[in-house]
Amino acid sequence: MFAIMTTAAVTLGAHGAVQVSTAQQAAQALRPLAGNLAGLLFAAGIVGTGLLAVPVLAGSTAYAVAETLGWREGLGRRVVQARAFYAVIAVSILIGVAMDVLGRHRSGLLSQLLVGAAAVAMTVLSLLVVLR
């Protein structure tokens, strides 16, 4: 992802384009480096980023929910030892897939608002624990 962003920034800047509105424009920015395979390189970067992000996001959600509710958690545990934890991971992934299939691409803003609200709540709770 970083390599794609850096290469796109350098090639776009060299050609005077400073605003990218579509994924196709971003892929075309890689054309000086990848030639006709620019679209394939861009797609591989996006898919690779997604393959890294999905398990991390689902796992962190599962840890947060399990710790909040006092469930047994941990990827080192077997599924039968932490069923609810693994269920949260599975449901998180299924919700993400469903949102993609149903075309809810604008939900990114909603998720960022929820993450922001959760960060504030976690900060306040952490301060309360520390000050206690």
Protein backbone atom coordinates (compact mmCIF):
# COMPACT_ATOMS: atom_id res chain seq x y z
CA MET A 1 0.00 0.00 0.00
CA PHE A 2 2.76 2.44 0.97
CA ALA A 3 4.67 1.68 -2.23
CA ILE A 4 1.56 2.34 -4.32
CA MET A 5 0.84 5.59 -2.50
CA THR A 6 4.43 6.79 -2.87
CA THR A 7 4.70 5.82 -6.52
CA ALA A 8 1.32 7.38 -7.30
CA ALA A 9 2.28 10.62 -5.52
CA VAL A 10 5.60 10.88 -7.36
CA THR A 11 4.18 10.08 -10.81
CA LEU A 12 1.09 12.23 -10.38
CA GLY A 13 3.16 15.13 -9.10
CA ALA A 14 5.53 14.82 -12.04
CA HIS A 15 2.61 15.14 -14.44
CA GLY A 16 0.92 17.99 -12.60
CA ALA A 17 -2.08 15.99 -11.37
CA VAL A 18 -2.63 16.54 -7.68
CA GLN A 19 -6.21 15.34 -7.24
CA VAL A 20 -7.33 11.74 -7.71
CA SER A 21 -11.07 11.10 -7.70
CA THR A 22 -11.32 7.48 -8.80
CA ALA A 23 -9.49 4.21 -8.38
CA GLN A 24 -8.94 4.18 -12.15
CA GLN A 25 -7.02 7.48 -11.94
CA ALA A 26 -4.90 6.08 -9.11
CA ALA A 27 -4.15 2.94 -11.12
CA GLN A 28 -3.20 5.05 -14.15
CA ALA A 29 -0.69 6.90 -12.00
CA LEU A 30 1.24 3.63 -11.84
CA ARG A 31 1.45 3.39 -15.63
CA PRO A 32 5.00 4.85 -15.85
CA LEU A 33 6.19 2.10 -13.50
CA ALA A 34 4.03 -0.87 -14.50
CA GLY A 35 3.03 -0.05 -18.07
CA ASN A 36 -0.07 -1.94 -19.20
CA LEU A 37 -0.09 -3.90 -15.94
CA ALA A 38 -0.82 -0.76 -13.86
CA GLY A 39 -4.41 -1.81 -13.20
CA LEU A 40 -3.31 -5.28 -12.12
CA LEU A 41 -0.63 -3.85 -9.82
CA PHE A 42 -3.13 -1.46 -8.23
CA ALA A 43 -5.70 -4.25 -7.78
CA ALA A 44 -3.09 -6.52 -6.19
CA GLY A 45 -2.19 -3.75 -3.75
CA ILE A 46 -5.82 -3.16 -2.79
CA VAL A 47 -6.55 -6.87 -2.37
CA GLY A 48 -3.36 -7.38 -0.36
CA THR A 49 -4.23 -4.46 1.91
CA GLY A 50 -7.71 -5.88 2.42
CA LEU A 51 -6.34 -9.32 3.23
CA LEU A 52 -4.19 -7.75 5.92
CA ALA A 53 -6.83 -5.40 7.29
CA VAL A 54 -9.86 -7.69 7.57
CA PRO A 55 -8.40 -10.15 10.10
CA VAL A 56 -6.86 -7.34 12.14
CA LEU A 57 -10.10 -5.37 12.34
CA ALA A 58 -12.23 -8.43 13.07
CA GLY A 59 -9.77 -9.65 15.70
CA SER A 60 -9.48 -6.29 17.43
CA THR A 61 -13.27 -6.02 17.52
CA ALA A 62 -13.51 -9.48 19.04
CA TYR A 63 -10.89 -8.65 21.68
CA ALA A 64 -12.65 -5.38 22.58
CA VAL A 65 -16.07 -7.03 22.90
CA ALA A 66 -14.75 -10.04 24.80
CA GLU A 67 -12.76 -7.96 27.27
CA THR A 68 -15.67 -5.60 27.80
CA LEU A 69 -18.09 -8.44 28.49
CA GLY A 70 -15.62 -10.59 30.43
CA TRP A 71 -15.64 -13.47 27.95
CA ARG A 72 -12.78 -15.90 27.45
CA GLU A 73 -10.75 -14.60 24.58
CA GLY A 74 -7.61 -15.13 22.63
CA LEU A 75 -6.49 -16.53 19.33
CA GLY A 76 -4.39 -19.00 21.32
CA ARG A 77 -7.56 -20.64 22.60
CA ARG A 78 -9.49 -23.27 20.73
CA VAL A 79 -12.89 -22.41 19.31
CA VAL A 80 -14.66 -24.53 21.95
CA GLN A 81 -12.85 -22.59 24.69
CA ALA A 82 -13.81 -19.13 23.40
CA ARG A 83 -16.92 -19.59 21.26
CA ALA A 84 -18.27 -16.07 21.73
CA PHE A 85 -14.89 -14.55 20.88
CA TYR A 86 -14.67 -16.47 17.61
CA ALA A 87 -18.34 -15.76 16.91
CA VAL A 88 -17.62 -12.02 17.05
CA ILE A 89 -14.80 -12.51 14.54
CA ALA A 90 -17.07 -14.46 12.20
CA VAL A 91 -19.96 -12.00 12.52
CA SER A 92 -17.61 -9.05 11.92
CA ILE A 93 -16.34 -10.60 8.71
CA LEU A 94 -19.86 -11.52 7.57
CA ILE A 95 -21.10 -7.97 8.19
CA GLY A 96 -18.20 -6.60 6.15
CA VAL A 97 -18.92 -8.99 3.28
CA ALA A 98 -22.65 -8.21 3.43
CA MET A 99 -21.96 -4.47 3.31
CA ASP A 100 -19.80 -4.97 0.24
CA VAL A 101 -22.31 -7.23 -1.51
CA LEU A 102 -25.19 -4.85 -0.73
CA GLY A 103 -23.18 -1.89 -2.00
CA ARG A 104 -22.94 -0.01 1.29
CA HIS A 105 -19.62 1.59 0.39
CA ARG A 106 -20.51 4.88 2.08
CA SER A 107 -20.62 3.15 5.47
CA GLY A 108 -16.94 3.97 5.96
CA LEU A 109 -17.91 7.34 7.37
CA LEU A 110 -20.28 5.72 9.87
CA SER A 111 -17.63 3.26 10.98
CA GLN A 112 -15.11 6.07 11.47
CA LEU A 113 -17.63 8.00 13.57
CA LEU A 114 -18.20 4.90 15.71
CA VAL A 115 -14.46 4.35 16.09
CA GLY A 116 -14.05 7.99 17.11
CA ALA A 117 -16.79 7.70 19.72
CA ALA A 118 -15.33 4.45 21.02
CA ALA A 119 -11.88 6.05 21.28
CA VAL A 120 -13.26 8.83 23.45
CA ALA A 121 -15.07 6.33 25.67
CA MET A 122 -11.97 4.13 25.96
CA THR A 123 -9.81 7.14 26.83
CA VAL A 124 -12.19 8.22 29.58
CA LEU A 125 -12.43 4.67 30.97
CA SER A 126 -8.65 4.30 30.87
CA LEU A 127 -8.22 7.54 32.77
CA LEU A 128 -10.71 6.39 35.38
CA VAL A 129 -8.81 3.14 35.85
CA VAL A 130 -5.46 4.92 36.09
CA LEU A 131 -6.72 7.56 38.53
CA ARG A 132 -8.40 5.00 40.73
